[in-house]
Structure formats: structure tokens, C-alpha cells
Protein backbone atom coordinates (compact mmCIF):
# COMPACT_ATOMS: atom_id res chain seq x y z
CA MET A 1 24.27 34.87 154.13
CA ILE A 2 26.17 33.08 151.97
CA VAL A 3 25.94 29.42 152.24
CA THR A 4 29.01 27.77 150.56
CA PRO A 5 31.31 24.62 151.87
CA LEU A 6 34.34 27.33 151.25
CA HIS A 7 32.54 30.20 153.27
CA ALA A 8 31.90 30.96 157.18
CA PRO A 9 28.79 32.45 158.06
CA ARG A 10 30.21 35.50 158.91
CA GLY A 11 33.17 37.59 157.57
CA PRO A 12 36.01 39.00 159.87
CA ARG A 13 35.13 41.90 161.88
CA LEU A 14 37.29 45.11 162.12
CA PRO A 15 40.88 44.45 163.06
CA ASP A 16 42.60 46.11 165.96
CA PRO A 17 44.25 49.58 164.96
CA GLY A 18 47.05 49.15 162.75
CA PRO A 19 50.85 51.23 163.03
CA PRO A 20 50.71 55.28 162.44
CA ASP A 21 50.66 54.97 159.10
CA SER A 22 47.42 53.13 159.37
CA PRO A 23 44.43 55.67 158.52
CA THR A 24 42.21 53.87 161.45
CA SER A 25 44.98 53.98 164.20
CA SER A 26 44.30 56.04 167.59
CA ALA A 27 47.80 57.52 167.36
CA PRO A 28 48.09 61.10 166.69
CA PRO A 29 47.68 61.15 162.80
CA ALA A 30 51.38 61.58 160.67
CA TRP A 31 51.95 60.75 156.76
CA PRO A 32 54.36 58.22 156.20
CA SER A 33 57.77 59.79 154.51
CA ARG A 34 56.76 57.42 151.61
CA LEU A 35 53.53 54.94 150.75
CA PRO A 36 54.19 51.56 152.65
CA VAL A 37 56.05 48.79 150.15
CA HIS A 38 54.14 45.51 150.39
CA GLN A 39 54.83 42.43 148.60
CA PRO A 40 52.46 42.36 145.19
CA PRO A 41 50.27 39.00 145.42
CA ALA A 42 51.51 36.18 143.36
CA ARG A 43 49.55 35.45 139.74
CA ASN A 44 46.55 33.17 140.55
CA PRO A 45 46.92 30.21 138.69
CA GLY A 46 43.16 29.13 139.03
CA ILE A 47 42.12 25.51 140.00
CA PRO A 48 39.96 22.87 138.13
CA LEU A 49 36.16 24.11 137.73
CA ASP A 50 34.23 22.77 140.51
CA LEU A 51 30.72 22.65 139.37
CA ALA A 52 29.43 21.04 142.62
CA LEU A 53 30.47 24.02 144.34
CA VAL A 54 29.16 26.50 142.00
CA ARG A 55 25.97 25.55 141.58
CA GLY A 56 25.49 24.94 145.53
CA LEU A 57 26.17 28.59 146.29
CA ARG A 58 23.50 30.64 147.42
CA VAL A 59 23.11 34.07 148.94
CA ASN A 60 20.01 35.70 151.21
CA ARG A 61 20.12 39.22 150.03
CA SER A 62 18.13 40.29 153.08
CA ALA A 63 21.04 39.42 155.08
CA VAL A 64 23.70 40.94 152.68
CA GLU A 65 21.45 44.00 152.84
CA ARG A 66 21.36 44.39 156.63
CA ARG A 67 25.26 43.62 156.53
CA VAL A 68 26.06 46.89 154.44
CA ALA A 69 23.18 48.99 155.80
CA THR A 70 25.73 48.61 159.22
CA LEU A 71 28.64 49.66 157.16
CA ALA A 72 28.19 53.64 157.65
CA GLY A 73 27.88 53.48 161.16
CA ARG A 74 30.47 50.81 162.35
CA ARG A 75 33.53 53.32 161.41
CA THR A 76 33.38 56.79 161.06
CA VAL A 77 36.69 58.60 159.84
CA LYS A 78 37.19 62.50 160.75
CA GLN A 79 39.26 65.29 160.05
CA ALA A 80 42.88 63.80 159.68
CA TRP A 81 42.07 60.60 159.66
CA GLN A 82 39.64 61.38 156.89
CA ALA A 83 42.02 63.08 154.82
CA ALA A 84 44.65 59.93 155.26
CA TRP A 85 41.68 57.33 154.13
CA LEU A 86 41.89 59.85 151.10
CA LEU A 87 44.49 59.48 150.10
CA ARG A 88 44.91 56.13 150.37
CA ALA A 89 41.61 56.52 148.32
CA ILE A 90 43.69 58.25 145.58
CA SER A 91 46.41 55.22 145.61
CA CYS A 92 44.08 52.65 144.73
CA MET A 93 42.67 54.59 141.98
CA ASP A 94 42.85 53.20 138.03
CA LEU A 95 42.06 56.81 136.78
CA THR A 96 40.04 56.08 133.52
CA THR A 97 39.03 57.75 130.36
CA LEU A 98 36.41 55.73 128.45
CA ALA A 99 34.70 58.44 126.13
CA GLY A 100 33.83 58.18 122.45
CA ASP A 101 35.82 61.51 122.31
CA ASP A 102 39.15 60.39 123.94
CA THR A 103 41.92 61.97 121.89
CA PRO A 104 45.75 61.42 122.33
CA GLY A 105 45.97 64.72 124.31
CA THR A 106 43.01 64.14 126.72
CA VAL A 107 45.09 60.47 127.69
CA ARG A 108 48.43 62.67 128.06
CA ARG A 109 46.34 64.91 130.27
CA LEU A 110 44.86 62.26 132.31
CA CYS A 111 48.36 60.78 132.28
CA ALA A 112 49.84 64.26 133.61
CA LYS A 113 47.08 64.09 136.44
CA ALA A 114 48.12 60.74 137.35
CA ARG A 115 51.66 61.49 138.45
CA HIS A 116 50.41 64.52 140.07
CA PRO A 117 47.04 63.78 141.34
CA LEU A 118 47.04 66.66 143.94
CA ARG A 119 47.56 70.63 143.23
CA ALA A 120 51.06 71.74 144.67
CA ASP A 121 49.66 73.72 147.24
CA LEU A 122 47.37 71.16 148.51
CA VAL A 123 50.42 68.56 148.70
CA GLU A 124 52.25 71.47 150.50
CA ALA A 125 49.43 72.29 152.75
CA LEU A 126 49.47 68.53 154.01
CA GLY A 127 53.03 67.79 154.34
CA ILE A 128 53.17 65.42 151.97
CA ALA A 129 55.65 66.01 149.45
CA ASP A 130 57.49 63.19 150.30
CA LEU A 131 54.67 60.72 149.68
CA ALA A 132 55.38 60.61 145.99
CA LEU A 133 51.80 60.21 146.13
CA THR A 134 50.23 58.75 142.35
CA VAL A 135 47.21 56.53 141.61
CA GLY A 136 47.13 53.53 140.71
CA ALA A 137 46.99 53.11 137.54
CA VAL A 138 45.56 54.70 134.09
CA CYS A 139 42.95 52.80 132.25
CA VAL A 140 42.36 53.59 128.53
CA TYR A 141 40.90 51.81 125.22
CA HIS A 142 43.39 49.75 123.63
CA ARG A 143 44.09 52.54 120.80
CA PHE A 144 45.52 54.90 123.33
CA VAL A 145 47.75 52.20 125.19
CA PRO A 146 51.07 53.61 123.53
CA VAL A 147 50.53 57.59 124.17
CA ALA A 148 49.64 56.29 127.86
CA VAL A 149 52.90 54.37 127.90
CA GLU A 150 54.86 56.72 126.38
CA ALA A 151 53.39 59.69 129.13
CA LEU A 152 53.44 57.35 132.00
CA ALA A 153 57.57 56.38 131.26
CA GLY A 154 59.51 56.00 134.41
CA THR A 155 56.71 56.82 136.69
CA GLY A 156 55.98 53.01 137.33
CA ILE A 157 52.25 53.77 137.01
CA PRO A 158 50.54 50.89 135.10
CA VAL A 159 48.58 51.30 131.94
CA ALA A 160 45.55 49.06 131.78
CA ALA A 161 43.47 48.39 128.53
CA VAL A 162 39.57 47.80 128.84
CA SER A 163 39.73 44.89 126.33
CA THR A 164 37.24 42.05 124.79
CA GLY A 165 35.31 43.87 123.16
CA PHE A 166 34.41 46.00 125.74
CA PRO A 167 31.70 47.04 127.16
CA ALA A 168 29.33 44.39 125.70
CA GLY A 169 31.85 41.52 124.98
CA LEU A 170 30.12 40.49 121.88
CA SER A 171 32.38 40.19 119.27
CA PRO A 172 33.86 37.13 118.15
CA LEU A 173 36.12 35.07 121.07
CA PRO A 174 39.27 35.00 118.46
CA LEU A 175 39.05 38.60 117.67
CA ARG A 176 38.69 39.54 121.88
CA ILE A 177 41.56 37.13 122.11
CA ALA A 178 44.08 39.17 119.66
CA GLU A 179 42.73 42.77 121.16
CA ILE A 180 44.08 41.36 124.28
CA ARG A 181 47.62 40.31 123.13
CA GLU A 182 47.98 43.65 120.61
CA SER A 183 46.95 45.60 124.21
CA VAL A 184 49.66 43.55 125.65
CA ALA A 185 52.40 44.12 123.18
CA ALA A 186 51.74 47.58 122.97
CA GLY A 187 52.55 47.94 126.74
CA ALA A 188 49.46 47.41 128.95
CA VAL A 189 50.79 45.46 131.77
CA GLU A 190 47.04 45.12 133.08
CA ILE A 191 43.90 43.80 130.69
CA ASP A 192 40.14 44.46 131.76
CA VAL A 193 38.31 41.76 130.19
CA VAL A 194 34.56 41.37 129.61
CA ILE A 195 32.70 38.18 129.96
CA THR A 196 29.64 36.88 128.32
CA ARG A 197 27.14 37.95 130.43
CA ALA A 198 24.70 35.31 128.77
CA HIS A 199 27.00 32.53 129.93
CA VAL A 200 25.94 33.53 133.58
CA LEU A 201 22.65 34.27 132.76
CA LEU A 202 22.30 30.10 131.31
CA GLY A 203 24.59 28.88 133.94
CA ALA A 204 26.94 27.99 131.14
CA TRP A 205 29.98 27.68 133.53
CA ASP A 206 31.92 25.65 131.48
CA ALA A 207 31.77 28.06 128.54
CA LEU A 208 32.40 30.91 131.14
CA TYR A 209 35.59 29.08 132.81
CA ASP A 210 36.86 27.93 129.18
CA GLU A 211 36.45 31.58 128.47
CA VAL A 212 38.43 33.32 131.23
CA GLN A 213 41.17 30.67 130.68
CA ARG A 214 41.54 31.79 127.41
CA PHE A 215 41.73 35.64 128.13
CA ARG A 216 44.30 34.76 131.17
CA GLU A 217 46.36 32.70 128.56
CA ALA A 218 46.43 35.64 126.27
CA CYS A 219 47.55 38.31 128.59
CA GLY A 220 50.74 36.07 129.40
CA ALA A 221 52.70 38.42 132.13
CA ALA A 222 49.98 41.12 132.34
CA HIS A 223 47.33 40.96 134.93
CA LEU A 224 43.85 39.96 134.14
CA LYS A 225 41.03 42.05 135.74
CA VAL A 226 37.94 40.18 134.87
CA ILE A 227 34.82 42.51 134.57
CA LEU A 228 31.22 40.65 135.63
CA GLY A 229 29.04 43.38 134.67
CA THR A 230 27.14 42.75 138.00
CA GLY A 231 24.21 44.90 137.08
CA ASP A 232 23.31 42.54 133.99
CA LEU A 233 23.41 39.09 135.95
CA ALA A 234 19.97 39.86 137.60
CA THR A 235 20.91 38.22 141.32
CA LEU A 236 22.94 38.20 144.25
CA THR A 237 23.62 34.21 143.68
CA GLN A 238 24.56 34.97 140.41
CA VAL A 239 27.42 37.40 141.09
CA GLY A 240 28.95 34.97 143.66
CA ARG A 241 28.69 32.35 141.35
CA ALA A 242 30.31 34.16 138.32
CA SER A 243 33.13 35.63 140.81
CA LEU A 244 33.98 31.90 141.90
CA VAL A 245 34.25 31.03 138.26
CA ALA A 246 36.13 33.61 137.21
CA MET A 247 38.92 32.78 140.04
CA MET A 248 39.24 29.24 139.26
CA ALA A 249 40.03 29.85 135.70
CA GLY A 250 42.76 32.27 136.79
CA ALA A 251 41.29 36.02 137.28
CA ASP A 252 43.88 37.81 139.40
CA VAL A 253 41.28 40.43 140.23
CA ILE A 254 37.77 40.45 139.53
CA LYS A 255 35.47 43.72 138.63
CA THR A 256 32.18 44.68 138.98
CA SER A 257 31.03 46.85 135.89
CA THR A 258 32.11 48.55 132.77
CA GLY A 259 30.49 51.63 134.18
CA LYS A 260 28.44 51.14 131.06
CA GLU A 261 25.37 49.29 132.82
CA ALA A 262 22.42 51.08 134.28
CA VAL A 263 23.32 49.70 137.40
CA ASN A 264 27.17 49.41 138.44
CA ALA A 265 29.14 49.32 141.18
CA THR A 266 26.85 48.62 144.53
CA LEU A 267 27.85 47.50 147.89
CA PRO A 268 25.74 44.49 148.11
CA VAL A 269 27.22 43.24 144.83
CA GLY A 270 30.98 44.58 146.45
CA LEU A 271 29.84 42.46 150.00
CA VAL A 272 29.51 39.26 148.11
CA MET A 273 32.49 39.36 145.65
CA ALA A 274 34.67 40.16 148.90
CA ARG A 275 33.24 36.89 150.47
CA MET A 276 33.92 35.20 147.27
CA ILE A 277 37.39 36.50 147.43
CA ALA A 278 38.01 35.21 150.92
CA ALA A 279 36.40 31.88 150.41
CA TYR A 280 38.70 30.76 147.63
CA GLY A 281 42.00 32.59 149.80
CA ARG A 282 40.87 30.16 152.26
CA HIS A 283 40.33 27.36 149.99
CA THR A 284 43.42 27.95 148.15
CA GLY A 285 45.59 30.20 149.66
CA HIS A 286 45.77 32.78 146.52
CA GLU A 287 44.88 36.25 147.20
CA VAL A 288 42.68 37.77 144.21
CA GLY A 289 42.16 42.11 143.94
CA PHE A 290 38.67 43.29 143.68
CA LYS A 291 37.92 46.51 141.64
CA PRO A 292 34.56 48.16 141.89
CA ALA A 293 33.85 50.62 138.97
CA GLY A 294 30.84 52.64 137.79
CA GLY A 295 29.13 55.07 139.56
CA ILE A 296 31.82 55.70 142.24
CA ARG A 297 32.15 59.41 142.41
CA THR A 298 32.10 60.82 145.96
CA ALA A 299 34.69 60.74 148.59
CA LYS A 300 31.96 59.32 150.72
CA GLN A 301 31.50 56.70 148.56
CA ALA A 302 35.21 55.75 148.53
CA LEU A 303 35.34 55.90 152.12
CA GLU A 304 32.27 53.34 152.15
CA TRP A 305 33.99 50.58 149.72
CA LEU A 306 37.65 51.16 151.80
CA VAL A 307 35.46 50.47 155.08
CA LEU A 308 34.16 47.23 153.60
CA MET A 309 37.72 46.33 151.91
CA LYS A 310 38.80 46.52 155.84
CA GLU A 311 36.17 44.88 157.54
CA GLU A 312 35.80 42.09 155.22
CA LEU A 313 39.70 41.20 153.43
CA GLY A 314 41.47 42.94 156.02
CA ASP A 315 44.57 45.65 155.50
CA ARG A 316 46.01 44.03 152.49
CA TRP A 317 42.85 44.72 150.45
CA LEU A 318 43.62 48.62 151.11
CA ARG A 319 46.71 48.73 148.97
CA PRO A 320 46.76 48.87 145.37
CA HIS A 321 48.36 45.60 144.33
CA LEU A 322 44.88 44.05 145.59
CA PHE A 323 42.10 46.63 145.28
CA ARG A 324 41.36 49.24 142.77
CA PHE A 325 38.50 52.03 142.38
CA GLY A 326 37.94 52.39 138.87
CA ALA A 327 37.07 56.05 138.59
CA SER A 328 37.12 59.34 136.41
CA GLY A 329 35.02 61.72 138.39
CA LEU A 330 35.87 60.76 142.11
CA LEU A 331 38.86 62.34 142.41
CA THR A 332 37.52 65.95 141.38
CA ASP A 333 35.30 65.47 144.81
CA ILE A 334 38.22 63.93 146.85
CA GLU A 335 40.53 66.95 145.86
CA ARG A 336 37.61 68.82 147.37
CA GLN A 337 37.49 67.35 150.45
CA LEU A 338 41.08 67.73 151.11
CA GLU A 339 40.64 71.43 150.13
CA HIS A 340 37.91 71.97 152.58
CA PHE A 341 40.38 69.53 155.70
CA VAL A 342 42.92 72.54 154.79
CA THR A 343 41.18 75.56 154.44
CA GLY A 344 37.90 74.70 155.72
CA ARG A 345 36.15 75.70 152.73
CA TYR A 346 34.49 73.57 149.53
CA ALA A 347 35.74 74.83 146.54
CA ALA A 348 34.02 74.60 143.32
CA ALA A 349 34.94 72.20 140.79
CA HIS A 350 36.65 73.53 138.37
CA ARG A 351 39.82 74.65 140.71
CA GLN A 352 40.12 70.64 140.54
CA PRO A 353 40.32 70.10 137.14
CA MET A 354 40.47 66.68 136.13
CA VAL A 355 42.18 67.15 132.30
């Protein structure tokens, strides 16, 4: 499927069922008293650019599509276990507002939702009050970072800022770097940067590597999440190469899309990026996170992405330290599914208002 010296021809199979708090355990479901705490991965320091490896990478699109087509049938989760997987999806969500009409009030309401993502009656009915469930992060434009930081004070929920001329990434490089530094100074602890897609399309891998390195330096202690804009990259081979270069340059997380492209997160793209993460991990010993973003709006789609992560990368990538959904409307559908689990009826979307 993916031909590279770093990568075996097939990914790992689904591991054995985990402990009772794992959503794939065969034991009767029991909500944990609190979300399990796992040691976050160390920052990815990057490695020197290996152009021979990058240029030698090839992806077989037909094989990727065949593999993705098997995901839905390989493992289905129903009833209580589906509810558990959906709770996990909430904990891995970057709750996002990136609209042109955002206001401080919109951001504050989004942060309130991030702190309490489910209605109180659903929390009580599910018996998860002790879970202290929150989303993984709140993602906003730079202008609203101080508002989000204030609204989330004391919660431990990170604030992420989109940066570097989001979504096109075509503003002058010094301005993009200054924007990163200003967002970090304002309190953002995660920075979602946009690469110059032309570097990928032209095969200018040195330029892409240098750009991401400079972004990482500007981030300082903040985690660097590199948006590849995969819908603009033309081929899965280009997606794989861009993923590899971004990780070599020090990306802590690689992300599919801005959500503004014509084509955003797709499972074939996700499979290629996950295989690149696995390959890079075997080669360097460093764990890199993954964030699909754009077009993920239903609970069913969330489950497909979680299955992909579990099968390709393992249980550690079912935690917010290494996996995030970039989403704005996804939470509403997950709430509807959880209400159906509790009551047996689907509720109208307005019963789960986002803000």
C-alpha cells in the first residue's frame, strides 16, 4: 500500500480487548470514575530532512481504498459500547469556531459547552457525573485567544489558535511567524499552522521543511499542529510525503485540513497519514499526534475514525494527547445518539444547542 523503507506493507491488526474502561472490552460496560490518565508523549524534536526517503515514497491508492472499505465491517460497536466510544470521541474533540461572525460572546458560549459538553440530564442518566468529561481543547482565531483563556481558566482545557494566515497560509512568512508568537503570548498552548501547499505541489521539500522548522521555533513550549490542506495536495503520495516532511521538521501533530477546502478529512487520507505516523515512530521512537478536521459531522463518522486509529496506531491514539477531532457540529450529533441510547428516541438538534 505504502512503499517506504520505514514502513511494513501492512498495519497492525486490532489488538486484544483492553481493560474494562476500554470501549472494545468484551466485559459489561462500566464507566470509569475518571478518565484514565496517560503520560503525554514527549515533544517531537524532529530529525534531519531525508530527501531520498521522501522522494522514494509511493502510495497505492487502490490498496488504500480497499483497506478503508473494510473498516466499517471489521468492528461494530452497539448499545453501551457505542455510547462509551462516543464519550471517548467527545474527550478527543477540538471544539472549534472559525466563523467570520465570531464574537466574544460566541467564544464564551463555546467554552461553556467545552466545560460541560453534555446536558446535565444526560450526564445523570448515563451515570457519568464522576467522569468530569470535557472536550480535548477549544480552537479559535488569534483574536479570541484571550477570551477563551479567561473562560477556561482553572479547567485544564487547552486553548488552540489557528495561525500563519489561516486558512490559505499565503501571507508573508515574517507575519505568519509573528502571529504564532502573539498567540502563544496571549495564552494559546497549541498552535494550528497552515503550510504553503505550493511547496508540496512543486516538490520543494527543503522549503517546506524550513518553513515548519521556523513555525516550531516560534511556538516555543506550545504544541505545533501542522495543517497539510490535504484536499489541495492532488495525490495520496503527496499527502504521505508532506506528512513525513512535517514530522521530520518537528510537528507534534499532523492535521488533515483547515475545514475550508473543497475536500477535507477523508478516511483514505487518514490511513496514509496514520501509516506515516507509525513509520516515523518506528524510525525515531517519537510519537506524533493526528487530527482529522473538516466534514466530520456525524457520530457514525467519529466511530469510523476511532476504529481507524485503534487498528492502525493502537490504543494510545484514542486519547486526546495524540488524537483530536477538529469539529464544530459533531458534538450535536453525538449528543443526539447518546440521548437515543438513554431514551430510545432521537431528539431534535435544537435540544443540544452548541452555543
